[in-house]
Amino acid sequence: MTVLEHDTERAGHHHDDKPIAVAVITPSGFYPDANDYNRSYRGEVVAHVLERAKIKLELTNTADWVAEVENRPIDPSKTFAENDLHGIVEIEWHKPEGGGGASGSL
């Protein structure tokens, strides 16, 4: 078995599963870094990539964080395909916004 064959047999993707480029943007930095993308597959669960980002960036207490792509919330427990993500994907991962701020009523 070649390295390439082993790579395509990893859990979460299949031979017909096209790779996608993924970056995770957090308040603490970028994963894999500001100048690169991580290769993932449409069959991979988004949470797996977020976990790798959490470890690399040494993030703690992310249980209540939300993930968004182009200002659209995504479900990390689902695959990239189930979230309709493909091509180049930049995930913004941070604490939920809200609370405080001005309201329109007086």
PDB file of N, CA and C in Angstrom:
ATOM      1  N   MET A   1       0.851  -1.176   0.000  1.00  0.00           N
ATOM      2  CA  MET A   1       0.000   0.000   0.000  1.00  0.00           C
ATOM      3  C   MET A   1       0.894   1.235   0.000  1.00  0.00           C
ATOM      4  N   THR A   2       0.635   2.174  -0.890  1.00  0.00           N
ATOM      5  CA  THR A   2       1.413   3.408  -0.927  1.00  0.00           C
ATOM      6  C   THR A   2       0.869   4.384   0.096  1.00  0.00           C
ATOM      7  N   VAL A   3       1.636   5.414   0.352  1.00  0.00           N
ATOM      8  CA  VAL A   3       1.192   6.447   1.285  1.00  0.00           C
ATOM      9  C   VAL A   3      -0.087   7.093   0.784  1.00  0.00           C
ATOM     10  N   LEU A   4      -0.164   7.343  -0.506  1.00  0.00           N
ATOM     11  CA  LEU A   4      -1.352   7.969  -1.084  1.00  0.00           C
ATOM     12  C   LEU A   4      -2.586   7.105  -0.867  1.00  0.00           C
ATOM     13  N   GLU A   5      -2.464   5.808  -1.086  1.00  0.00           N
ATOM     14  CA  GLU A   5      -3.606   4.920  -0.861  1.00  0.00           C
ATOM     15  C   GLU A   5      -4.011   4.941   0.599  1.00  0.00           C
ATOM     16  N   HIS A   6      -3.033   4.931   1.491  1.00  0.00           N
ATOM     17  CA  HIS A   6      -3.347   4.962   2.924  1.00  0.00           C
ATOM     18  C   HIS A   6      -4.073   6.247   3.280  1.00  0.00           C
ATOM     19  N   ASP A   7      -3.614   7.374   2.720  1.00  0.00           N
ATOM     20  CA  ASP A   7      -4.225   8.661   3.007  1.00  0.00           C
ATOM     21  C   ASP A   7      -5.691   8.682   2.590  1.00  0.00           C
ATOM     22  N   THR A   8      -6.019   8.107   1.438  1.00  0.00           N
ATOM     23  CA  THR A   8      -7.404   8.159   0.975  1.00  0.00           C
ATOM     24  C   THR A   8      -8.297   7.159   1.688  1.00  0.00           C
ATOM     25  N   GLU A   9      -7.706   6.266   2.463  1.00  0.00           N
ATOM     26  CA  GLU A   9      -8.521   5.301   3.183  1.00  0.00           C
ATOM     27  C   GLU A   9      -8.765   5.716   4.630  1.00  0.00           C
ATOM     28  N   ARG A  10      -8.312   6.893   5.011  1.00  0.00           N
ATOM     29  CA  ARG A  10      -8.562   7.378   6.368  1.00  0.00           C
ATOM     30  C   ARG A  10     -10.052   7.457   6.610  1.00  0.00           C
ATOM     31  N   ALA A  11     -10.427   7.370   7.861  1.00  0.00           N
ATOM     32  CA  ALA A  11     -11.847   7.448   8.224  1.00  0.00           C
ATOM     33  C   ALA A  11     -12.432   8.771   7.752  1.00  0.00           C
ATOM     34  N   GLY A  12     -13.649   8.734   7.272  1.00  0.00           N
ATOM     35  CA  GLY A  12     -14.347   9.954   6.916  1.00  0.00           C
ATOM     36  C   GLY A  12     -14.352  10.297   5.443  1.00  0.00           C
ATOM     37  N   HIS A  13     -13.611   9.578   4.618  1.00  0.00           N
ATOM     38  CA  HIS A  13     -13.695   9.871   3.190  1.00  0.00           C
ATOM     39  C   HIS A  13     -13.390   8.628   2.375  1.00  0.00           C
ATOM     40  N   HIS A  14     -13.759   8.722   1.101  1.00  0.00           N
ATOM     41  CA  HIS A  14     -13.635   7.595   0.194  1.00  0.00           C
ATOM     42  C   HIS A  14     -12.884   8.025  -1.045  1.00  0.00           C
ATOM     43  N   HIS A  15     -12.572   7.094  -1.930  1.00  0.00           N
ATOM     44  CA  HIS A  15     -11.807   7.399  -3.138  1.00  0.00           C
ATOM     45  C   HIS A  15     -12.496   8.449  -4.018  1.00  0.00           C
ATOM     46  N   ASP A  16     -13.818   8.491  -4.045  1.00  0.00           N
ATOM     47  CA  ASP A  16     -14.523   9.459  -4.880  1.00  0.00           C
ATOM     48  C   ASP A  16     -14.818  10.764  -4.134  1.00  0.00           C
ATOM     49  N   ASP A  17     -14.307  10.903  -2.931  1.00  0.00           N
ATOM     50  CA  ASP A  17     -14.531  12.072  -2.091  1.00  0.00           C
ATOM     51  C   ASP A  17     -13.444  13.097  -2.386  1.00  0.00           C
ATOM     52  N   LYS A  18     -13.813  14.185  -3.052  1.00  0.00           N
ATOM     53  CA  LYS A  18     -12.832  15.175  -3.469  1.00  0.00           C
ATOM     54  C   LYS A  18     -12.325  15.982  -2.275  1.00  0.00           C
ATOM     55  N   PRO A  19     -11.028  16.291  -2.268  1.00  0.00           N
ATOM     56  CA  PRO A  19     -10.490  17.089  -1.164  1.00  0.00           C
ATOM     57  C   PRO A  19     -10.987  18.523  -1.236  1.00  0.00           C
ATOM     58  N   ILE A  20     -11.057  19.141  -0.072  1.00  0.00           N
ATOM     59  CA  ILE A  20     -11.396  20.557   0.033  1.00  0.00           C
ATOM     60  C   ILE A  20     -10.324  21.228   0.878  1.00  0.00           C
ATOM     61  N   ALA A  21     -10.158  22.509   0.700  1.00  0.00           N
ATOM     62  CA  ALA A  21      -9.179  23.282   1.461  1.00  0.00           C
ATOM     63  C   ALA A  21      -9.915  23.975   2.606  1.00  0.00           C
ATOM     64  N   VAL A  22      -9.447  23.741   3.837  1.00  0.00           N
ATOM     65  CA  VAL A  22     -10.138  24.271   5.004  1.00  0.00           C
ATOM     66  C   VAL A  22      -9.187  25.089   5.865  1.00  0.00           C
ATOM     67  N   ALA A  23      -9.652  26.252   6.282  1.00  0.00           N
ATOM     68  CA  ALA A  23      -8.951  27.071   7.269  1.00  0.00           C
ATOM     69  C   ALA A  23      -9.929  27.357   8.399  1.00  0.00           C
ATOM     70  N   VAL A  24      -9.419  27.382   9.619  1.00  0.00           N
ATOM     71  CA  VAL A  24     -10.240  27.736  10.780  1.00  0.00           C
ATOM     72  C   VAL A  24      -9.699  29.050  11.328  1.00  0.00           C
ATOM     73  N   ILE A  25     -10.604  30.018  11.457  1.00  0.00           N
ATOM     74  CA  ILE A  25     -10.242  31.350  11.937  1.00  0.00           C
ATOM     75  C   ILE A  25     -10.864  31.522  13.322  1.00  0.00           C
ATOM     76  N   THR A  26     -10.008  31.764  14.319  1.00  0.00           N
ATOM     77  CA  THR A  26     -10.483  31.932  15.699  1.00  0.00           C
ATOM     78  C   THR A  26      -9.974  33.260  16.239  1.00  0.00           C
ATOM     79  N   PRO A  27     -10.491  33.700  17.381  1.00  0.00           N
ATOM     80  CA  PRO A  27      -9.952  34.912  18.004  1.00  0.00           C
ATOM     81  C   PRO A  27      -8.475  34.759  18.396  1.00  0.00           C
ATOM     82  N   SER A  28      -8.005  33.515  18.528  1.00  0.00           N
ATOM     83  CA  SER A  28      -6.627  33.257  18.958  1.00  0.00           C
ATOM     84  C   SER A  28      -5.663  32.969  17.815  1.00  0.00           C
ATOM     85  N   GLY A  29      -6.159  32.896  16.594  1.00  0.00           N
ATOM     86  CA  GLY A  29      -5.279  32.618  15.474  1.00  0.00           C
ATOM     87  C   GLY A  29      -5.929  31.781  14.407  1.00  0.00           C
ATOM     88  N   PHE A  30      -5.103  31.272  13.498  1.00  0.00           N
ATOM     89  CA  PHE A  30      -5.567  30.534  12.331  1.00  0.00           C
ATOM     90  C   PHE A  30      -5.055  29.103  12.373  1.00  0.00           C
ATOM     91  N   TYR A  31      -5.862  28.176  11.822  1.00  0.00           N
ATOM     92  CA  TYR A  31      -5.434  26.795  11.655  1.00  0.00           C
ATOM     93  C   TYR A  31      -5.594  26.438  10.185  1.00  0.00           C
ATOM     94  N   PRO A  32      -4.605  25.849   9.534  1.00  0.00           N
ATOM     95  CA  PRO A  32      -3.332  25.454  10.114  1.00  0.00           C
ATOM     96  C   PRO A  32      -2.405  26.633  10.382  1.00  0.00           C
ATOM     97  N   ASP A  33      -2.450  27.687   9.558  1.00  0.00           N
ATOM     98  CA  ASP A  33      -1.770  28.950   9.850  1.00  0.00           C
ATOM     99  C   ASP A  33      -2.322  29.999   8.889  1.00  0.00           C
ATOM    100  N   ALA A  34      -1.883  31.225   9.027  1.00  0.00           N
ATOM    101  CA  ALA A  34      -2.459  32.329   8.250  1.00  0.00           C
ATOM    102  C   ALA A  34      -2.202  32.227   6.756  1.00  0.00           C
ATOM    103  N   ASN A  35      -1.258  31.374   6.342  1.00  0.00           N
ATOM    104  CA  ASN A  35      -0.889  31.297   4.929  1.00  0.00           C
ATOM    105  C   ASN A  35      -1.197  29.960   4.284  1.00  0.00           C
ATOM    106  N   ASP A  36      -1.984  29.104   4.931  1.00  0.00           N
ATOM    107  CA  ASP A  36      -2.177  27.762   4.405  1.00  0.00           C
ATOM    108  C   ASP A  36      -3.579  27.252   4.713  1.00  0.00           C
ATOM    109  N   TYR A  37      -3.932  26.171   4.046  1.00  0.00           N
ATOM    110  CA  TYR A  37      -5.197  25.483   4.278  1.00  0.00           C
ATOM    111  C   TYR A  37      -4.904  24.030   4.634  1.00  0.00           C
ATOM    112  N   ASN A  38      -5.825  23.411   5.338  1.00  0.00           N
ATOM    113  CA  ASN A  38      -5.743  22.002   5.692  1.00  0.00           C
ATOM    114  C   ASN A  38      -6.541  21.215   4.656  1.00  0.00           C
ATOM    115  N   ARG A  39      -6.014  20.083   4.200  1.00  0.00           N
ATOM    116  CA  ARG A  39      -6.773  19.260   3.263  1.00  0.00           C
ATOM    117  C   ARG A  39      -7.734  18.394   4.059  1.00  0.00           C
ATOM    118  N   SER A  40      -9.001  18.511   3.754  1.00  0.00           N
ATOM    119  CA  SER A  40     -10.047  17.694   4.360  1.00  0.00           C
ATOM    120  C   SER A  40     -10.872  17.111   3.226  1.00  0.00           C
ATOM    121  N   TYR A  41     -11.871  16.345   3.594  1.00  0.00           N
ATOM    122  CA  TYR A  41     -12.733  15.701   2.600  1.00  0.00           C
ATOM    123  C   TYR A  41     -14.181  15.952   2.949  1.00  0.00           C
ATOM    124  N   ARG A  42     -15.033  15.962   1.934  1.00  0.00           N
ATOM    125  CA  ARG A  42     -16.459  16.270   2.150  1.00  0.00           C
ATOM    126  C   ARG A  42     -17.114  15.280   3.098  1.00  0.00           C
ATOM    127  N   GLY A  43     -16.594  14.065   3.199  1.00  0.00           N
ATOM    128  CA  GLY A  43     -17.157  13.067   4.107  1.00  0.00           C
ATOM    129  C   GLY A  43     -16.665  13.181   5.538  1.00  0.00           C
ATOM    130  N   GLU A  44     -15.751  14.110   5.797  1.00  0.00           N
ATOM    131  CA  GLU A  44     -15.206  14.273   7.152  1.00  0.00           C
ATOM    132  C   GLU A  44     -16.134  15.136   7.998  1.00  0.00           C
ATOM    133  N   VAL A  45     -16.244  14.806   9.269  1.00  0.00           N
ATOM    134  CA  VAL A  45     -17.063  15.586  10.204  1.00  0.00           C
ATOM    135  C   VAL A  45     -16.300  16.870  10.537  1.00  0.00           C
ATOM    136  N   VAL A  46     -16.984  18.003  10.466  1.00  0.00           N
ATOM    137  CA  VAL A  46     -16.367  19.309  10.702  1.00  0.00           C
ATOM    138  C   VAL A  46     -15.709  19.368  12.078  1.00  0.00           C
ATOM    139  N   ALA A  47     -16.320  18.760  13.083  1.00  0.00           N
ATOM    140  CA  ALA A  47     -15.783  18.796  14.447  1.00  0.00           C
ATOM    141  C   ALA A  47     -14.370  18.222  14.534  1.00  0.00           C
ATOM    142  N   HIS A  48     -14.016  17.287  13.644  1.00  0.00           N
ATOM    143  CA  HIS A  48     -12.666  16.724  13.654  1.00  0.00           C
ATOM    144  C   HIS A  48     -11.637  17.801  13.320  1.00  0.00           C
ATOM    145  N   VAL A  49     -11.938  18.647  12.357  1.00  0.00           N
ATOM    146  CA  VAL A  49     -11.033  19.732  11.987  1.00  0.00           C
ATOM    147  C   VAL A  49     -10.978  20.762  13.111  1.00  0.00           C
ATOM    148  N   LEU A  50     -12.124  21.055  13.714  1.00  0.00           N
ATOM    149  CA  LEU A  50     -12.139  22.024  14.813  1.00  0.00           C
ATOM    150  C   LEU A  50     -11.327  21.510  15.998  1.00  0.00           C
ATOM    151  N   GLU A  51     -11.374  20.216  16.239  1.00  0.00           N
ATOM    152  CA  GLU A  51     -10.590  19.630  17.335  1.00  0.00           C
ATOM    153  C   GLU A  51      -9.089  19.776  17.054  1.00  0.00           C
ATOM    154  N   ARG A  52      -8.677  19.566  15.809  1.00  0.00           N
ATOM    155  CA  ARG A  52      -7.265  19.744  15.463  1.00  0.00           C
ATOM    156  C   ARG A  52      -6.848  21.207  15.650  1.00  0.00           C
ATOM    157  N   ALA A  53      -7.743  22.127  15.279  1.00  0.00           N
ATOM    158  CA  ALA A  53      -7.455  23.555  15.476  1.00  0.00           C
ATOM    159  C   ALA A  53      -7.353  23.878  16.963  1.00  0.00           C
ATOM    160  N   LYS A  54      -8.245  23.307  17.755  1.00  0.00           N
ATOM    161  CA  LYS A  54      -8.245  23.538  19.204  1.00  0.00           C
ATOM    162  C   LYS A  54      -6.914  23.100  19.818  1.00  0.00           C
ATOM    163  N   ILE A  55      -6.423  21.939  19.398  1.00  0.00           N
ATOM    164  CA  ILE A  55      -5.161  21.413  19.933  1.00  0.00           C
ATOM    165  C   ILE A  55      -3.984  22.280  19.480  1.00  0.00           C
ATOM    166  N   LYS A  56      -3.917  22.577  18.180  1.00  0.00           N
ATOM    167  CA  LYS A  56      -2.782  23.354  17.661  1.00  0.00           C
ATOM    168  C   LYS A  56      -2.731  24.752  18.271  1.00  0.00           C
ATOM    169  N   LEU A  57      -3.901  25.384  18.421  1.00  0.00           N
ATOM    170  CA  LEU A  57      -3.950  26.757  18.933  1.00  0.00           C
ATOM    171  C   LEU A  57      -4.039  26.814  20.455  1.00  0.00           C
ATOM    172  N   GLU A  58      -4.042  25.612  21.087  1.00  0.00           N
ATOM    173  CA  GLU A  58      -4.120  25.505  22.544  1.00  0.00           C
ATOM    174  C   GLU A  58      -5.324  26.261  23.105  1.00  0.00           C
ATOM    175  N   LEU A  59      -6.488  26.034  22.476  1.00  0.00           N
ATOM    176  CA  LEU A  59      -7.725  26.680  22.909  1.00  0.00           C
ATOM    177  C   LEU A  59      -8.350  25.887  24.055  1.00  0.00           C
ATOM    178  N   THR A  60      -8.976  26.583  24.964  1.00  0.00           N
ATOM    179  CA  THR A  60      -9.697  25.939  26.059  1.00  0.00           C
ATOM    180  C   THR A  60     -11.110  26.499  26.097  1.00  0.00           C
ATOM    181  N   ASN A  61     -12.003  25.772  26.704  1.00  0.00           N
ATOM    182  CA  ASN A  61     -13.367  26.238  26.923  1.00  0.00           C
ATOM    183  C   ASN A  61     -14.061  26.668  25.630  1.00  0.00           C
ATOM    184  N   THR A  62     -14.090  25.778  24.646  1.00  0.00           N
ATOM    185  CA  THR A  62     -14.729  26.082  23.362  1.00  0.00           C
ATOM    186  C   THR A  62     -16.104  25.423  23.233  1.00  0.00           C
ATOM    187  N   ALA A  63     -16.604  24.851  24.314  1.00  0.00           N
ATOM    188  CA  ALA A  63     -17.855  24.076  24.258  1.00  0.00           C
ATOM    189  C   ALA A  63     -19.031  24.894  23.724  1.00  0.00           C
ATOM    190  N   ASP A  64     -19.064  26.191  24.002  1.00  0.00           N
ATOM    191  CA  ASP A  64     -20.198  27.005  23.556  1.00  0.00           C
ATOM    192  C   ASP A  64     -19.902  27.794  22.282  1.00  0.00           C
ATOM    193  N   TRP A  65     -18.765  27.543  21.643  1.00  0.00           N
ATOM    194  CA  TRP A  65     -18.407  28.282  20.443  1.00  0.00           C
ATOM    195  C   TRP A  65     -19.288  27.877  19.267  1.00  0.00           C
ATOM    196  N   VAL A  66     -19.452  28.792  18.334  1.00  0.00           N
ATOM    197  CA  VAL A  66     -20.233  28.538  17.126  1.00  0.00           C
ATOM    198  C   VAL A  66     -19.300  28.561  15.916  1.00  0.00           C
ATOM    199  N   ALA A  67     -19.683  27.825  14.890  1.00  0.00           N
ATOM    200  CA  ALA A  67     -18.921  27.773  13.648  1.00  0.00           C
ATOM    201  C   ALA A  67     -19.784  28.352  12.533  1.00  0.00           C
ATOM    202  N   GLU A  68     -19.173  29.221  11.729  1.00  0.00           N
ATOM    203  CA  GLU A  68     -19.881  29.853  10.621  1.00  0.00           C
ATOM    204  C   GLU A  68     -18.995  29.864   9.384  1.00  0.00           C
ATOM    205  N   VAL A  69     -19.631  29.769   8.234  1.00  0.00           N
ATOM    206  CA  VAL A  69     -18.948  29.924   6.954  1.00  0.00           C
ATOM    207  C   VAL A  69     -19.727  30.974   6.180  1.00  0.00           C
ATOM    208  N   GLU A  70     -19.049  32.048   5.826  1.00  0.00           N
ATOM    209  CA  GLU A  70     -19.682  33.162   5.117  1.00  0.00           C
ATOM    210  C   GLU A  70     -20.924  33.641   5.850  1.00  0.00           C
ATOM    211  N   ASN A  71     -20.797  33.836   7.158  1.00  0.00           N
ATOM    212  CA  ASN A  71     -21.863  34.323   8.044  1.00  0.00           C
ATOM    213  C   ASN A  71     -23.055  33.381   8.140  1.00  0.00           C
ATOM    214  N   ARG A  72     -22.876  32.127   7.731  1.00  0.00           N
ATOM    215  CA  ARG A  72     -23.943  31.122   7.831  1.00  0.00           C
ATOM    216  C   ARG A  72     -23.528  30.092   8.876  1.00  0.00           C
ATOM    217  N   PRO A  73     -24.358  29.892   9.908  1.00  0.00           N
ATOM    218  CA  PRO A  73     -24.023  28.878  10.910  1.00  0.00           C
ATOM    219  C   PRO A  73     -23.954  27.491  10.270  1.00  0.00           C
ATOM    220  N   ILE A  74     -22.979  26.699  10.708  1.00  0.00           N
ATOM    221  CA  ILE A  74     -22.876  25.315  10.261  1.00  0.00           C
ATOM    222  C   ILE A  74     -22.925  24.411  11.489  1.00  0.00           C
ATOM    223  N   ASP A  75     -23.206  23.142  11.263  1.00  0.00           N
ATOM    224  CA  ASP A  75     -23.308  22.167  12.344  1.00  0.00           C
ATOM    225  C   ASP A  75     -22.032  21.330  12.369  1.00  0.00           C
ATOM    226  N   PRO A  76     -21.156  21.555  13.366  1.00  0.00           N
ATOM    227  CA  PRO A  76     -19.903  20.806  13.431  1.00  0.00           C
ATOM    228  C   PRO A  76     -20.078  19.294  13.574  1.00  0.00           C
ATOM    229  N   SER A  77     -21.233  18.844  14.036  1.00  0.00           N
ATOM    230  CA  SER A  77     -21.442  17.400  14.196  1.00  0.00           C
ATOM    231  C   SER A  77     -21.755  16.716  12.867  1.00  0.00           C
ATOM    232  N   LYS A  78     -21.909  17.508  11.808  1.00  0.00           N
ATOM    233  CA  LYS A  78     -22.187  16.977  10.475  1.00  0.00           C
ATOM    234  C   LYS A  78     -20.939  17.069   9.603  1.00  0.00           C
ATOM    235  N   THR A  79     -20.964  16.356   8.485  1.00  0.00           N
ATOM    236  CA  THR A  79     -19.838  16.379   7.560  1.00  0.00           C
ATOM    237  C   THR A  79     -19.838  17.682   6.757  1.00  0.00           C
ATOM    238  N   PHE A  80     -18.715  17.907   6.062  1.00  0.00           N
ATOM    239  CA  PHE A  80     -18.659  19.066   5.177  1.00  0.00           C
ATOM    240  C   PHE A  80     -19.750  18.969   4.118  1.00  0.00           C
ATOM    241  N   ALA A  81     -19.975  17.773   3.582  1.00  0.00           N
ATOM    242  CA  ALA A  81     -21.019  17.580   2.570  1.00  0.00           C
ATOM    243  C   ALA A  81     -22.397  17.888   3.142  1.00  0.00           C
ATOM    244  N   GLU A  82     -22.673  17.402   4.340  1.00  0.00           N
ATOM    245  CA  GLU A  82     -23.981  17.657   4.955  1.00  0.00           C
ATOM    246  C   GLU A  82     -24.189  19.137   5.234  1.00  0.00           C
ATOM    247  N   ASN A  83     -23.099  19.881   5.437  1.00  0.00           N
ATOM    248  CA  ASN A  83     -23.176  21.331   5.630  1.00  0.00           C
ATOM    249  C   ASN A  83     -23.107  22.079   4.301  1.00  0.00           C
ATOM    250  N   ASP A  84     -23.094  21.333   3.177  1.00  0.00           N
ATOM    251  CA  ASP A  84     -23.007  21.896   1.829  1.00  0.00           C
ATOM    252  C   ASP A  84     -21.766  22.769   1.660  1.00  0.00           C
ATOM    253  N   LEU A  85     -20.620  22.245   2.120  1.00  0.00           N
ATOM    254  CA  LEU A  85     -19.348  22.957   2.016  1.00  0.00           C
ATOM    255  C   LEU A  85     -18.436  22.220   1.052  1.00  0.00           C
ATOM    256  N   HIS A  86     -17.781  22.962   0.168  1.00  0.00           N
ATOM    257  CA  HIS A  86     -16.889  22.376  -0.826  1.00  0.00           C
ATOM    258  C   HIS A  86     -15.913  23.436  -1.303  1.00  0.00           C
ATOM    259  N   GLY A  87     -14.897  23.011  -2.029  1.00  0.00           N
ATOM    260  CA  GLY A  87     -13.905  23.948  -2.570  1.00  0.00           C
ATOM    261  C   GLY A  87     -12.993  24.474  -1.478  1.00  0.00           C
ATOM    262  N   ILE A  88     -12.968  25.779  -1.304  1.00  0.00           N
ATOM    263  CA  ILE A  88     -12.178  26.428  -0.262  1.00  0.00           C
ATOM    264  C   ILE A  88     -13.140  26.886   0.827  1.00  0.00           C
ATOM    265  N   VAL A  89     -12.888  26.425   2.045  1.00  0.00           N
ATOM    266  CA  VAL A  89     -13.804  26.685   3.163  1.00  0.00           C
ATOM    267  C   VAL A  89     -13.046  27.392   4.282  1.00  0.00           C
ATOM    268  N   GLU A  90     -13.528  28.559   4.670  1.00  0.00           N
ATOM    269  CA  GLU A  90     -12.959  29.276   5.806  1.00  0.00           C
ATOM    270  C   GLU A  90     -14.001  29.303   6.913  1.00  0.00           C
ATOM    271  N   ILE A  91     -13.701  28.559   7.985  1.00  0.00           N
ATOM    272  CA  ILE A  91     -14.632  28.449   9.110  1.00  0.00           C
ATOM    273  C   ILE A  91     -14.258  29.481  10.160  1.00  0.00           C
ATOM    274  N   GLU A  92     -15.194  30.331  10.496  1.00  0.00           N
ATOM    275  CA  GLU A  92     -15.005  31.260  11.605  1.00  0.00           C
ATOM    276  C   GLU A  92     -15.564  30.569  12.845  1.00  0.00           C
ATOM    277  N   TRP A  93     -14.718  30.408  13.852  1.00  0.00           N
ATOM    278  CA  TRP A  93     -15.096  29.657  15.056  1.00  0.00           C
ATOM    279  C   TRP A  93     -14.814  30.533  16.259  1.00  0.00           C
ATOM    280  N   HIS A  94     -15.886  30.849  17.014  1.00  0.00           N
ATOM    281  CA  HIS A  94     -15.756  31.810  18.109  1.00  0.00           C
ATOM    282  C   HIS A  94     -16.937  31.691  19.066  1.00  0.00           C
ATOM    283  N   LYS A  95     -16.871  32.455  20.158  1.00  0.00           N
ATOM    284  CA  LYS A  95     -17.999  32.504  21.092  1.00  0.00           C
ATOM    285  C   LYS A  95     -19.190  33.104  20.357  1.00  0.00           C
ATOM    286  N   PRO A  96     -20.404  32.691  20.760  1.00  0.00           N
ATOM    287  CA  PRO A  96     -21.584  33.270  20.109  1.00  0.00           C
ATOM    288  C   PRO A  96     -21.651  34.770  20.369  1.00  0.00           C
ATOM    289  N   GLU A  97     -22.046  35.495  19.351  1.00  0.00           N
ATOM    290  CA  GLU A  97     -22.212  36.931  19.524  1.00  0.00           C
ATOM    291  C   GLU A  97     -23.588  37.179  20.102  1.00  0.00           C
ATOM    292  N   GLY A  98     -23.759  38.317  20.692  1.00  0.00           N
ATOM    293  CA  GLY A  98     -25.053  38.635  21.286  1.00  0.00           C
ATOM    294  C   GLY A  98     -24.872  39.127  22.698  1.00  0.00           C
ATOM    295  N   GLY A  99     -25.989  39.295  23.363  1.00  0.00           N
ATOM    296  CA  GLY A  99     -25.931  39.886  24.694  1.00  0.00           C
ATOM    297  C   GLY A  99     -25.559  41.341  24.535  1.00  0.00           C
ATOM    298  N   GLY A 100     -25.881  42.183  25.422  1.00  0.00           N
ATOM    299  CA  GLY A 100     -25.477  43.581  25.394  1.00  0.00           C
ATOM    300  C   GLY A 100     -25.775  44.263  24.074  1.00  0.00           C
ATOM    301  N   GLY A 101     -25.220  45.408  23.871  1.00  0.00           N
ATOM    302  CA  GLY A 101     -25.413  46.118  22.612  1.00  0.00           C
ATOM    303  C   GLY A 101     -26.685  46.945  22.628  1.00  0.00           C
ATOM    304  N   ALA A 102     -26.822  47.777  21.636  1.00  0.00           N
ATOM    305  CA  ALA A 102     -27.984  48.660  21.557  1.00  0.00           C
ATOM    306  C   ALA A 102     -29.168  47.906  20.985  1.00  0.00           C
ATOM    307  N   SER A 103     -30.340  48.245  21.445  1.00  0.00           N
ATOM    308  CA  SER A 103     -31.549  47.650  20.869  1.00  0.00           C
ATOM    309  C   SER A 103     -32.353  48.757  20.209  1.00  0.00           C
ATOM    310  N   GLY A 104     -33.252  48.357  19.344  1.00  0.00           N
ATOM    311  CA  GLY A 104     -34.030  49.331  18.592  1.00  0.00           C
ATOM    312  C   GLY A 104     -35.204  49.914  19.339  1.00  0.00           C
ATOM    313  N   SER A 105     -35.519  49.402  20.512  1.00  0.00           N
ATOM    314  CA  SER A 105     -36.707  49.916  21.224  1.00  0.00           C
ATOM    315  C   SER A 105     -36.288  50.844  22.356  1.00  0.00           C
ATOM    316  N   LEU A 106     -37.127  51.810  22.623  1.00  0.00           N
ATOM    317  CA  LEU A 106     -36.867  52.767  23.719  1.00  0.00           C
ATOM    318  C   LEU A 106     -37.960  52.689  24.748  1.00  0.00           C
TER     319      LEU A 106
END
